[in-house]
Structures are given as C-alpha cells and as structure tokens.
Protein backbone atom coordinates (compact mmCIF):
# COMPACT_ATOMS: atom_id res chain seq x y z
CA MET A 1 0.00 0.00 0.00
CA ILE A 2 2.91 2.35 0.62
CA ILE A 3 4.07 2.00 -2.99
CA ILE A 4 0.57 2.80 -4.33
CA SER A 5 0.36 5.73 -1.93
CA ASN A 6 3.74 7.06 -3.09
CA ILE A 7 2.69 6.76 -6.75
CA MET A 8 -0.52 8.65 -6.01
CA LEU A 9 1.45 11.40 -4.25
CA VAL A 10 3.85 11.75 -7.19
CA VAL A 11 0.92 11.88 -9.65
CA SER A 12 -0.69 14.60 -7.55
CA TRP A 13 2.52 16.62 -7.61
CA ILE A 14 2.62 16.23 -11.38
CA PHE A 15 -0.99 17.45 -11.55
CA ILE A 16 -0.06 20.48 -9.47
CA ILE A 17 2.97 21.33 -11.64
CA LEU A 18 1.00 20.92 -14.85
CA GLY A 19 -1.82 22.99 -13.38
CA LEU A 20 0.57 25.82 -12.53
CA ILE A 21 1.90 25.75 -16.08
CA GLY A 22 -1.65 25.75 -17.43
CA ILE A 23 -2.70 28.65 -15.25
CA SER A 24 0.27 30.71 -16.39
CA ARG A 25 -0.42 29.95 -20.06
CA PHE A 26 -4.05 31.06 -20.08
CA ASP A 27 -4.69 34.77 -20.32
CA LYS A 28 -8.42 34.91 -19.54
CA LEU A 29 -9.69 34.94 -15.96
CA TYR A 30 -12.37 32.33 -16.62
CA SER A 31 -9.88 29.92 -18.23
CA ARG A 32 -7.61 30.27 -15.25
CA LEU A 33 -10.45 29.62 -12.86
CA LEU A 34 -11.47 26.48 -14.72
CA THR A 35 -7.90 25.17 -14.71
CA SER A 36 -7.33 25.94 -11.05
CA SER A 37 -10.65 24.34 -10.05
CA LYS A 38 -9.95 21.08 -11.86
CA ILE A 39 -6.35 20.81 -10.73
CA ASP A 40 -7.13 21.61 -7.10
CA SER A 41 -9.88 19.01 -6.93
CA ALA A 42 -7.84 16.32 -8.63
CA ALA A 43 -4.62 16.92 -6.70
CA ILE A 44 -6.24 17.25 -3.29
CA SER A 45 -8.35 14.15 -3.92
CA LEU A 46 -5.27 12.13 -4.83
CA ILE A 47 -3.32 13.39 -1.85
CA LEU A 48 -6.13 12.60 0.60
CA VAL A 49 -6.74 9.13 -0.87
CA ALA A 50 -3.00 8.42 -0.70
CA LEU A 51 -3.00 9.45 2.96
CA MET A 52 -6.01 7.19 3.58
CA LEU A 53 -4.15 4.26 2.07
CA ARG A 54 -1.15 4.96 4.28
CA GLU A 55 -3.26 5.21 7.42
CA GLY A 56 -5.43 2.15 6.96
CA PHE A 57 -8.83 2.05 8.70
CA THR A 58 -8.41 4.33 11.71
CA GLU A 59 -10.09 7.39 13.11
CA MET A 60 -7.79 9.47 10.91
CA THR A 61 -9.26 7.88 7.79
CA SER A 62 -12.74 9.01 8.72
CA VAL A 63 -11.39 12.54 9.29
CA LEU A 64 -9.70 12.43 5.87
CA ILE A 65 -12.97 11.28 4.25
CA ILE A 66 -14.81 14.21 5.83
CA ILE A 67 -12.10 16.61 4.61
CA LEU A 68 -12.30 15.07 1.11
CA MET A 69 -16.06 15.48 0.98
CA PHE A 70 -15.78 19.09 2.21
CA VAL A 71 -13.19 19.95 -0.43
CA LEU A 72 -15.13 18.28 -3.23
CA PHE A 73 -18.30 20.17 -2.30
CA THR A 74 -16.79 23.59 -1.63
CA SER A 75 -14.15 23.92 -4.37
CA PRO A 76 -16.62 24.16 -7.30
CA ILE A 77 -18.85 26.50 -5.31
CA THR A 78 -16.06 28.92 -4.47
CA ASN A 79 -14.84 28.99 -8.06
CA HIS A 80 -18.41 29.61 -9.26
CA LEU A 81 -18.76 32.51 -6.81
CA ILE A 82 -15.46 34.04 -8.00
CA ALA A 83 -16.53 33.72 -11.64
CA PHE A 84 -19.98 35.12 -10.88
CA SER A 85 -18.59 38.13 -9.07
CA ALA A 86 -16.10 38.76 -11.91
CA TYR A 87 -19.00 38.59 -14.39
CA ARG A 88 -21.06 41.02 -12.33
CA LYS A 89 -18.12 43.43 -12.15
CA GLY A 90 -18.03 43.51 -15.93
CA ILE A 91 -15.18 41.21 -16.84
CA ALA A 92 -16.43 39.98 -20.18
CA VAL A 93 -16.57 36.35 -21.22
CA GLU A 94 -15.01 36.71 -24.64
CA GLU A 95 -14.78 34.00 -27.19
CA GLU A 96 -11.46 33.76 -28.96
CA LYS A 97 -11.62 34.59 -32.62
CA ASN A 98 -9.91 32.28 -35.06
CA ASP A 99 -8.39 34.27 -37.90
C-alpha cells in the first residue's frame, strides 16, 4: 500500500505542476479559474486518498474522508462565486476569434 500511496502522491505533484503551467499559459480569468478548479480538486483528492491508504482504517481515515467530501463540495462552489462576481463586475466572457 505504501508504494501505491507514493505513486498517487507523485501523480498529484505532477498534476499540481501541470496545473501551474496551465494557469500561467491562459490569459483569460475564466480559463484560469477552470484550470485551477480542476487541478485543485484532482490533486487534493489524490493526496487525501494516498494518505487514507497509508493510514489504513483508523479514526484518521474518517477525518480524511470528511475533509475530502468538504473539499469536493466547496471547491466548485467557491470557483463559481469568484466567476460570478467577476462577471457582475463587468469582466467579459469573450470567445477567442480564429483568424
């Protein structure tokens, strides 16, 4: 289980690095929000599941499950609220034009 946990941790680090590269490449706010939302959810999920595998079935596993559920429910909501407030402030959702 330790080996699987280590692999999951390395994959989550790769997700985080690729997400940072993706965020820096996009120039629109909404594209950056989408990238950060997906990468955060995927990386945090992998990290928490890897920690659950390391711990086994203990009280800490139930705490990690609660944290995972909280993150999976609140991350999309917070990104939606940020995008909604940006839209209400007048930051336009522009489609890119292909020339």
